[in-house]
All heavy atoms as atom14 arrays in JSON, in Angstrom:
{
  "sequence": "GAMLDALRRMDTLTRDERGRFNRLEKAEQSLTGQLGRPPTE",
  "atom14_mask": [
    [1, 1, 1, 1, 0, 0, 0, 0, 0, 0, 0, 0, 0, 0],
    [1, 1, 1, 1, 1, 0, 0, 0, 0, 0, 0, 0, 0, 0],
    [1, 1, 1, 1, 1, 1, 1, 1, 0, 0, 0, 0, 0, 0],
    [1, 1, 1, 1, 1, 1, 1, 1, 0, 0, 0, 0, 0, 0],
    [1, 1, 1, 1, 1, 1, 1, 1, 0, 0, 0, 0, 0, 0],
    [1, 1, 1, 1, 1, 0, 0, 0, 0, 0, 0, 0, 0, 0],
    [1, 1, 1, 1, 1, 1, 1, 1, 0, 0, 0, 0, 0, 0],
    [1, 1, 1, 1, 1, 1, 1, 1, 1, 1, 1, 0, 0, 0],
    [1, 1, 1, 1, 1, 1, 1, 1, 1, 1, 1, 0, 0, 0],
    [1, 1, 1, 1, 1, 1, 1, 1, 0, 0, 0, 0, 0, 0],
    [1, 1, 1, 1, 1, 1, 1, 1, 0, 0, 0, 0, 0, 0],
    [1, 1, 1, 1, 1, 1, 1, 0, 0, 0, 0, 0, 0, 0],
    [1, 1, 1, 1, 1, 1, 1, 1, 0, 0, 0, 0, 0, 0],
    [1, 1, 1, 1, 1, 1, 1, 0, 0, 0, 0, 0, 0, 0],
    [1, 1, 1, 1, 1, 1, 1, 1, 1, 1, 1, 0, 0, 0],
    [1, 1, 1, 1, 1, 1, 1, 1, 0, 0, 0, 0, 0, 0],
    [1, 1, 1, 1, 1, 1, 1, 1, 1, 0, 0, 0, 0, 0],
    [1, 1, 1, 1, 1, 1, 1, 1, 1, 1, 1, 0, 0, 0],
    [1, 1, 1, 1, 0, 0, 0, 0, 0, 0, 0, 0, 0, 0],
    [1, 1, 1, 1, 1, 1, 1, 1, 1, 1, 1, 0, 0, 0],
    [1, 1, 1, 1, 1, 1, 1, 1, 1, 1, 1, 0, 0, 0],
    [1, 1, 1, 1, 1, 1, 1, 1, 0, 0, 0, 0, 0, 0],
    [1, 1, 1, 1, 1, 1, 1, 1, 1, 1, 1, 0, 0, 0],
    [1, 1, 1, 1, 1, 1, 1, 1, 0, 0, 0, 0, 0, 0],
    [1, 1, 1, 1, 1, 1, 1, 1, 1, 0, 0, 0, 0, 0],
    [1, 1, 1, 1, 1, 1, 1, 1, 1, 0, 0, 0, 0, 0],
    [1, 1, 1, 1, 1, 0, 0, 0, 0, 0, 0, 0, 0, 0],
    [1, 1, 1, 1, 1, 1, 1, 1, 1, 0, 0, 0, 0, 0],
    [1, 1, 1, 1, 1, 1, 1, 1, 1, 0, 0, 0, 0, 0],
    [1, 1, 1, 1, 1, 1, 0, 0, 0, 0, 0, 0, 0, 0],
    [1, 1, 1, 1, 1, 1, 1, 1, 0, 0, 0, 0, 0, 0],
    [1, 1, 1, 1, 1, 1, 1, 0, 0, 0, 0, 0, 0, 0],
    [1, 1, 1, 1, 0, 0, 0, 0, 0, 0, 0, 0, 0, 0],
    [1, 1, 1, 1, 1, 1, 1, 1, 1, 0, 0, 0, 0, 0],
    [1, 1, 1, 1, 1, 1, 1, 1, 0, 0, 0, 0, 0, 0],
    [1, 1, 1, 1, 0, 0, 0, 0, 0, 0, 0, 0, 0, 0],
    [1, 1, 1, 1, 1, 1, 1, 1, 1, 1, 1, 0, 0, 0],
    [1, 1, 1, 1, 1, 1, 1, 0, 0, 0, 0, 0, 0, 0],
    [1, 1, 1, 1, 1, 1, 1, 0, 0, 0, 0, 0, 0, 0],
    [1, 1, 1, 1, 1, 1, 1, 0, 0, 0, 0, 0, 0, 0],
    [1, 1, 1, 1, 1, 1, 1, 1, 1, 0, 0, 0, 0, 0]
  ],
  "atom14_positions": [
    [[-9.46, 28.26, 13.87], [-8.61, 28.31, 12.66], [-7.13, 28.26, 12.96], [-6.35, 27.57, 12.3], [0.0, 0.0, 0.0], [0.0, 0.0, 0.0], [0.0, 0.0, 0.0], [0.0, 0.0, 0.0], [0.0, 0.0, 0.0], [0.0, 0.0, 0.0], [0.0, 0.0, 0.0], [0.0, 0.0, 0.0], [0.0, 0.0, 0.0], [0.0, 0.0, 0.0]],
    [[-6.71, 28.97, 14.0], [-5.31, 28.96, 14.39], [-4.89, 27.57, 14.85], [-3.8, 27.11, 14.53], [-5.06, 30.02, 15.5], [0.0, 0.0, 0.0], [0.0, 0.0, 0.0], [0.0, 0.0, 0.0], [0.0, 0.0, 0.0], [0.0, 0.0, 0.0], [0.0, 0.0, 0.0], [0.0, 0.0, 0.0], [0.0, 0.0, 0.0], [0.0, 0.0, 0.0]],
    [[-5.77, 26.9, 15.57], [-5.46, 25.53, 16.05], [-5.35, 24.59, 14.85], [-4.4, 23.79, 14.75], [-6.56, 25.05, 16.99], [-6.58, 25.77, 18.29], [-7.97, 25.22, 19.32], [-7.93, 26.39, 20.64], [0.0, 0.0, 0.0], [0.0, 0.0, 0.0], [0.0, 0.0, 0.0], [0.0, 0.0, 0.0], [0.0, 0.0, 0.0], [0.0, 0.0, 0.0]],
    [[-6.28, 24.69, 13.92], [-6.27, 23.79, 12.76], [-5.04, 24.08, 11.85], [-4.46, 23.17, 11.32], [-7.55, 23.93, 11.96], [-8.83, 23.44, 12.69], [-10.06, 23.69, 11.84], [-8.72, 21.99, 13.11], [0.0, 0.0, 0.0], [0.0, 0.0, 0.0], [0.0, 0.0, 0.0], [0.0, 0.0, 0.0], [0.0, 0.0, 0.0], [0.0, 0.0, 0.0]],
    [[-4.68, 25.35, 11.73], [-3.5, 25.72, 10.95], [-2.23, 25.07, 11.57], [-1.37, 24.55, 10.86], [-3.3, 27.23, 10.87], [-4.3, 27.91, 9.95], [-4.96, 27.22, 9.16], [-4.42, 29.14, 10.06], [0.0, 0.0, 0.0], [0.0, 0.0, 0.0], [0.0, 0.0, 0.0], [0.0, 0.0, 0.0], [0.0, 0.0, 0.0], [0.0, 0.0, 0.0]],
    [[-2.15, 25.09, 12.88], [-1.0, 24.48, 13.56], [-0.97, 22.98, 13.33], [0.09, 22.41, 13.08], [-1.05, 24.77, 15.05], [0.0, 0.0, 0.0], [0.0, 0.0, 0.0], [0.0, 0.0, 0.0], [0.0, 0.0, 0.0], [0.0, 0.0, 0.0], [0.0, 0.0, 0.0], [0.0, 0.0, 0.0], [0.0, 0.0, 0.0], [0.0, 0.0, 0.0]],
    [[-2.13, 22.37, 13.37], [-2.22, 20.9, 13.1], [-1.76, 20.57, 11.71], [-1.01, 19.63, 11.47], [-3.62, 20.39, 13.33], [-4.12, 20.36, 14.79], [-5.6, 20.07, 14.85], [-3.36, 19.34, 15.58], [0.0, 0.0, 0.0], [0.0, 0.0, 0.0], [0.0, 0.0, 0.0], [0.0, 0.0, 0.0], [0.0, 0.0, 0.0], [0.0, 0.0, 0.0]],
    [[-2.18, 21.38, 10.74], [-1.78, 21.17, 9.35], [-0.25, 21.33, 9.16], [0.38, 20.58, 8.43], [-2.5, 22.1, 8.43], [-3.94, 21.74, 8.23], [-4.65, 22.67, 7.19], [-6.05, 22.59, 7.37], [-6.82, 23.52, 7.91], [-6.3, 24.67, 8.35], [-8.1, 23.35, 8.05], [0.0, 0.0, 0.0], [0.0, 0.0, 0.0], [0.0, 0.0, 0.0]],
    [[0.32, 22.35, 9.8], [1.75, 22.57, 9.74], [2.55, 21.4, 10.27], [3.64, 21.07, 9.79], [2.15, 23.85, 10.51], [1.93, 25.13, 9.8], [2.63, 26.3, 10.49], [2.39, 26.38, 11.92], [1.36, 27.05, 12.49], [0.51, 27.69, 11.73], [1.24, 27.08, 13.78], [0.0, 0.0, 0.0], [0.0, 0.0, 0.0], [0.0, 0.0, 0.0]],
    [[2.04, 20.79, 11.33], [2.78, 19.69, 11.98], [2.53, 18.32, 11.33], [3.24, 17.37, 11.63], [2.41, 19.63, 13.47], [2.82, 20.81, 14.27], [4.55, 21.01, 14.36], [5.01, 19.57, 15.35], [0.0, 0.0, 0.0], [0.0, 0.0, 0.0], [0.0, 0.0, 0.0], [0.0, 0.0, 0.0], [0.0, 0.0, 0.0], [0.0, 0.0, 0.0]],
    [[1.55, 18.24, 10.48], [1.23, 16.97, 9.86], [2.28, 16.61, 8.82], [2.54, 17.36, 7.91], [-0.15, 17.02, 9.21], [-0.72, 15.65, 8.88], [-0.02, 14.65, 8.99], [-1.91, 15.6, 8.49], [0.0, 0.0, 0.0], [0.0, 0.0, 0.0], [0.0, 0.0, 0.0], [0.0, 0.0, 0.0], [0.0, 0.0, 0.0], [0.0, 0.0, 0.0]],
    [[2.85, 15.43, 8.96], [3.92, 14.97, 8.06], [3.36, 14.25, 6.84], [4.11, 13.93, 5.91], [4.91, 14.05, 8.79], [4.2, 12.93, 9.32], [5.61, 14.8, 9.88], [0.0, 0.0, 0.0], [0.0, 0.0, 0.0], [0.0, 0.0, 0.0], [0.0, 0.0, 0.0], [0.0, 0.0, 0.0], [0.0, 0.0, 0.0], [0.0, 0.0, 0.0]],
    [[2.05, 13.96, 6.86], [1.44, 13.23, 5.72], [0.87, 14.19, 4.72], [0.38, 15.29, 5.05], [0.3, 12.33, 6.24], [0.69, 11.24, 7.23], [-0.55, 10.45, 7.65], [1.73, 10.29, 6.67], [0.0, 0.0, 0.0], [0.0, 0.0, 0.0], [0.0, 0.0, 0.0], [0.0, 0.0, 0.0], [0.0, 0.0, 0.0], [0.0, 0.0, 0.0]],
    [[0.89, 13.79, 3.46], [0.21, 14.58, 2.43], [-1.28, 14.4, 2.55], [-1.76, 13.52, 3.3], [0.65, 14.11, 1.0], [0.15, 12.8, 0.79], [2.16, 14.15, 0.82], [0.0, 0.0, 0.0], [0.0, 0.0, 0.0], [0.0, 0.0, 0.0], [0.0, 0.0, 0.0], [0.0, 0.0, 0.0], [0.0, 0.0, 0.0], [0.0, 0.0, 0.0]],
    [[-2.04, 15.16, 1.82], [-3.49, 15.05, 1.87], [-3.97, 13.67, 1.47], [-4.81, 13.06, 2.11], [-4.11, 16.13, 1.01], [-5.62, 16.09, 1.05], [-6.22, 17.19, 0.25], [-6.26, 18.37, 1.08], [-6.77, 19.54, 0.75], [-7.23, 19.68, -0.45], [-6.81, 20.52, 1.58], [0.0, 0.0, 0.0], [0.0, 0.0, 0.0], [0.0, 0.0, 0.0]],
    [[-3.38, 13.12, 0.44], [-3.72, 11.76, -0.05], [-3.38, 10.74, 1.01], [-4.15, 9.83, 1.28], [-3.02, 11.44, -1.34], [-3.61, 12.15, -2.56], [-4.75, 12.65, -2.44], [-2.94, 12.21, -3.59], [0.0, 0.0, 0.0], [0.0, 0.0, 0.0], [0.0, 0.0, 0.0], [0.0, 0.0, 0.0], [0.0, 0.0, 0.0], [0.0, 0.0, 0.0]],
    [[-2.18, 10.84, 1.61], [-1.76, 9.89, 2.64], [-2.7, 10.01, 3.85], [-3.05, 9.01, 4.44], [-0.34, 10.16, 3.04], [0.71, 9.77, 2.0], [2.09, 10.31, 2.32], [2.22, 11.31, 3.06], [3.05, 9.68, 1.83], [0.0, 0.0, 0.0], [0.0, 0.0, 0.0], [0.0, 0.0, 0.0], [0.0, 0.0, 0.0], [0.0, 0.0, 0.0]],
    [[-3.07, 11.21, 4.21], [-3.98, 11.43, 5.35], [-5.33, 10.75, 5.06], [-5.91, 10.13, 5.92], [-4.19, 12.93, 5.6], [-5.23, 13.29, 6.64], [-4.97, 12.89, 8.03], [-3.65, 13.23, 8.45], [-2.94, 12.45, 9.31], [-3.45, 11.35, 9.77], [-1.75, 12.79, 9.67], [0.0, 0.0, 0.0], [0.0, 0.0, 0.0], [0.0, 0.0, 0.0]],
    [[-5.84, 10.88, 3.82], [-7.07, 10.23, 3.49], [-7.0, 8.73, 3.58], [-7.9, 8.06, 4.09], [0.0, 0.0, 0.0], [0.0, 0.0, 0.0], [0.0, 0.0, 0.0], [0.0, 0.0, 0.0], [0.0, 0.0, 0.0], [0.0, 0.0, 0.0], [0.0, 0.0, 0.0], [0.0, 0.0, 0.0], [0.0, 0.0, 0.0], [0.0, 0.0, 0.0]],
    [[-5.87, 8.16, 3.11], [-5.69, 6.72, 3.19], [-5.57, 6.27, 4.65], [-6.13, 5.25, 5.05], [-4.46, 6.27, 2.4], [-4.67, 6.38, 0.89], [-3.55, 5.66, 0.15], [-2.2, 6.23, 0.37], [-1.63, 7.16, -0.37], [-2.25, 7.62, -1.47], [-0.45, 7.6, -0.11], [0.0, 0.0, 0.0], [0.0, 0.0, 0.0], [0.0, 0.0, 0.0]],
    [[-4.87, 7.07, 5.44], [-4.71, 6.77, 6.88], [-6.08, 6.78, 7.55], [-6.4, 5.86, 8.35], [-3.76, 7.76, 7.5], [-3.62, 7.57, 9.0], [-2.78, 6.58, 9.51], [-4.32, 8.33, 9.88], [-2.63, 6.37, 10.86], [-4.2, 8.17, 11.25], [-3.36, 7.19, 11.72], [0.0, 0.0, 0.0], [0.0, 0.0, 0.0], [0.0, 0.0, 0.0]],
    [[-6.89, 7.8, 7.28], [-8.22, 7.89, 7.88], [-9.08, 6.69, 7.47], [-9.82, 6.15, 8.32], [-8.87, 9.22, 7.52], [-8.24, 10.4, 8.22], [-7.59, 10.22, 9.23], [-8.44, 11.55, 7.68], [0.0, 0.0, 0.0], [0.0, 0.0, 0.0], [0.0, 0.0, 0.0], [0.0, 0.0, 0.0], [0.0, 0.0, 0.0], [0.0, 0.0, 0.0]],
    [[-9.01, 6.32, 6.23], [-9.79, 5.16, 5.73], [-9.4, 3.9, 6.47], [-10.23, 3.11, 6.91], [-9.58, 5.01, 4.22], [-10.4, 3.95, 3.58], [-10.3, 4.03, 2.06], [-10.67, 2.78, 1.52], [-9.96, 2.04, 0.66], [-8.83, 2.48, 0.24], [-10.44, 0.9, 0.25], [0.0, 0.0, 0.0], [0.0, 0.0, 0.0], [0.0, 0.0, 0.0]],
    [[-8.09, 3.72, 6.62], [-7.56, 2.54, 7.33], [-8.0, 2.56, 8.8], [-8.47, 1.57, 9.34], [-6.03, 2.53, 7.22], [-5.29, 1.33, 7.7], [-4.14, 1.01, 6.77], [-4.77, 1.54, 9.1], [0.0, 0.0, 0.0], [0.0, 0.0, 0.0], [0.0, 0.0, 0.0], [0.0, 0.0, 0.0], [0.0, 0.0, 0.0], [0.0, 0.0, 0.0]],
    [[-7.88, 3.72, 9.43], [-8.22, 3.85, 10.84], [-9.71, 3.61, 11.07], [-10.13, 2.93, 12.01], [-7.85, 5.25, 11.34], [-7.94, 5.36, 12.84], [-7.34, 6.71, 13.31], [-7.94, 7.75, 12.96], [-6.34, 6.69, 13.99], [0.0, 0.0, 0.0], [0.0, 0.0, 0.0], [0.0, 0.0, 0.0], [0.0, 0.0, 0.0], [0.0, 0.0, 0.0]],
    [[-10.57, 4.09, 10.16], [-12.04, 3.89, 10.31], [-12.37, 2.42, 10.15], [-13.22, 1.91, 10.9], [-12.78, 4.73, 9.28], [-12.85, 6.21, 9.64], [-13.6, 7.02, 8.63], [-13.5, 8.51, 8.98], [-14.11, 9.33, 7.96], [0.0, 0.0, 0.0], [0.0, 0.0, 0.0], [0.0, 0.0, 0.0], [0.0, 0.0, 0.0], [0.0, 0.0, 0.0]],
    [[-11.74, 1.77, 9.22], [-11.98, 0.32, 9.01], [-11.61, -0.45, 10.25], [-12.32, -1.33, 10.7], [-11.25, -0.18, 7.79], [0.0, 0.0, 0.0], [0.0, 0.0, 0.0], [0.0, 0.0, 0.0], [0.0, 0.0, 0.0], [0.0, 0.0, 0.0], [0.0, 0.0, 0.0], [0.0, 0.0, 0.0], [0.0, 0.0, 0.0], [0.0, 0.0, 0.0]],
    [[-10.46, -0.14, 10.82], [-9.98, -0.81, 12.02], [-10.92, -0.55, 13.19], [-11.26, -1.49, 13.93], [-8.57, -0.37, 12.34], [-7.91, -1.18, 13.41], [-6.45, -0.85, 13.6], [-5.82, -0.33, 12.66], [-5.95, -1.1, 14.72], [0.0, 0.0, 0.0], [0.0, 0.0, 0.0], [0.0, 0.0, 0.0], [0.0, 0.0, 0.0], [0.0, 0.0, 0.0]],
    [[-11.34, 0.67, 13.4], [-12.23, 0.98, 14.5], [-13.57, 0.31, 14.33], [-14.16, -0.22, 15.29], [-12.44, 2.52, 14.59], [-11.24, 3.27, 15.12], [-11.38, 4.75, 15.04], [-12.36, 5.26, 14.45], [-10.46, 5.48, 15.65], [0.0, 0.0, 0.0], [0.0, 0.0, 0.0], [0.0, 0.0, 0.0], [0.0, 0.0, 0.0], [0.0, 0.0, 0.0]],
    [[-14.09, 0.3, 13.11], [-15.38, -0.32, 12.86], [-15.34, -1.8, 13.14], [-16.23, -2.38, 13.81], [-15.79, -0.08, 11.4], [-16.97, -0.73, 11.08], [0.0, 0.0, 0.0], [0.0, 0.0, 0.0], [0.0, 0.0, 0.0], [0.0, 0.0, 0.0], [0.0, 0.0, 0.0], [0.0, 0.0, 0.0], [0.0, 0.0, 0.0], [0.0, 0.0, 0.0]],
    [[-14.29, -2.47, 12.66], [-14.15, -3.91, 12.89], [-13.94, -4.21, 14.38], [-14.48, -5.22, 14.89], [-12.99, -4.46, 12.08], [-13.27, -4.66, 10.57], [-12.0, -4.99, 9.85], [-14.32, -5.74, 10.38], [0.0, 0.0, 0.0], [0.0, 0.0, 0.0], [0.0, 0.0, 0.0], [0.0, 0.0, 0.0], [0.0, 0.0, 0.0], [0.0, 0.0, 0.0]],
    [[-13.21, -3.4, 15.06], [-12.98, -3.61, 16.5], [-14.33, -3.58, 17.21], [-14.61, -4.4, 18.1], [-12.03, -2.57, 17.09], [-10.78, -2.67, 16.42], [-11.83, -2.74, 18.57], [0.0, 0.0, 0.0], [0.0, 0.0, 0.0], [0.0, 0.0, 0.0], [0.0, 0.0, 0.0], [0.0, 0.0, 0.0], [0.0, 0.0, 0.0], [0.0, 0.0, 0.0]],
    [[-15.17, -2.63, 16.83], [-16.5, -2.55, 17.44], [-17.37, -3.73, 17.1], [-18.09, -4.27, 17.96], [0.0, 0.0, 0.0], [0.0, 0.0, 0.0], [0.0, 0.0, 0.0], [0.0, 0.0, 0.0], [0.0, 0.0, 0.0], [0.0, 0.0, 0.0], [0.0, 0.0, 0.0], [0.0, 0.0, 0.0], [0.0, 0.0, 0.0], [0.0, 0.0, 0.0]],
    [[-17.32, -4.17, 15.88], [-18.12, -5.34, 15.44], [-17.65, -6.63, 16.06], [-18.47, -7.46, 16.47], [-18.08, -5.46, 13.92], [-18.79, -4.38, 13.17], [-18.53, -4.45, 11.67], [-18.0, -5.42, 11.16], [-18.92, -3.4, 10.97], [0.0, 0.0, 0.0], [0.0, 0.0, 0.0], [0.0, 0.0, 0.0], [0.0, 0.0, 0.0], [0.0, 0.0, 0.0]],
    [[-16.36, -6.82, 16.09], [-15.77, -8.1, 16.52], [-15.55, -8.19, 18.05], [-15.38, -9.26, 18.6], [-14.43, -8.35, 15.83], [-14.47, -8.4, 14.28], [-13.05, -8.44, 13.71], [-15.31, -9.61, 13.85], [0.0, 0.0, 0.0], [0.0, 0.0, 0.0], [0.0, 0.0, 0.0], [0.0, 0.0, 0.0], [0.0, 0.0, 0.0], [0.0, 0.0, 0.0]],
    [[-15.45, -7.01, 18.71], [-15.18, -7.0, 20.12], [-13.7, -7.32, 20.45], [-13.38, -7.66, 21.57], [0.0, 0.0, 0.0], [0.0, 0.0, 0.0], [0.0, 0.0, 0.0], [0.0, 0.0, 0.0], [0.0, 0.0, 0.0], [0.0, 0.0, 0.0], [0.0, 0.0, 0.0], [0.0, 0.0, 0.0], [0.0, 0.0, 0.0], [0.0, 0.0, 0.0]],
    [[-12.85, -7.2, 19.45], [-11.42, -7.44, 19.6], [-10.69, -6.74, 18.46], [-11.33, -6.38, 17.48], [-11.11, -8.95, 19.55], [-11.52, -9.58, 18.19], [-11.04, -10.99, 18.07], [-11.62, -11.65, 16.89], [-11.24, -11.43, 15.6], [-10.28, -10.58, 15.38], [-11.84, -12.06, 14.64], [0.0, 0.0, 0.0], [0.0, 0.0, 0.0], [0.0, 0.0, 0.0]],
    [[-9.39, -6.58, 18.58], [-8.64, -5.99, 17.46], [-8.71, -6.91, 16.25], [-8.53, -8.12, 16.37], [-7.2, -5.85, 17.99], [-7.34, -5.89, 19.49], [-8.54, -6.76, 19.77], [0.0, 0.0, 0.0], [0.0, 0.0, 0.0], [0.0, 0.0, 0.0], [0.0, 0.0, 0.0], [0.0, 0.0, 0.0], [0.0, 0.0, 0.0], [0.0, 0.0, 0.0]],
    [[-8.98, -6.36, 15.08], [-9.07, -7.2, 13.85], [-7.72, -7.63, 13.36], [-6.7, -6.94, 13.65], [-9.78, -6.3, 12.85], [-9.41, -4.93, 13.28], [-9.32, -4.97, 14.77], [0.0, 0.0, 0.0], [0.0, 0.0, 0.0], [0.0, 0.0, 0.0], [0.0, 0.0, 0.0], [0.0, 0.0, 0.0], [0.0, 0.0, 0.0], [0.0, 0.0, 0.0]],
    [[-7.7, -8.7, 12.62], [-6.44, -9.14, 11.99], [-6.17, -8.28, 10.71], [-7.11, -7.61, 10.24], [-6.5, -10.62, 11.57], [-7.52, -10.75, 10.57], [-6.83, -11.5, 12.78], [0.0, 0.0, 0.0], [0.0, 0.0, 0.0], [0.0, 0.0, 0.0], [0.0, 0.0, 0.0], [0.0, 0.0, 0.0], [0.0, 0.0, 0.0], [0.0, 0.0, 0.0]],
    [[-4.99, -8.35, 10.24], [-4.67, -7.64, 9.01], [-5.56, -8.12, 7.84], [-5.99, -7.32, 7.04], [-3.19, -7.8, 8.66], [-2.28, -7.09, 9.63], [-0.82, -7.32, 9.36], [-0.44, -8.34, 8.7], [-0.04, -6.49, 9.82], [0.0, 0.0, 0.0], [0.0, 0.0, 0.0], [0.0, 0.0, 0.0], [0.0, 0.0, 0.0], [0.0, 0.0, 0.0]]
  ]
}
């Protein structure tokens, strides 16, 4: 809990922005795995 609290304090993104960032990151990782290369925009 203390570790997670510190992470939350240092996070500059709002909860909504964090959710969008995670969605974007997951899509990029998934495509990289499928394509075997970094995906295009």
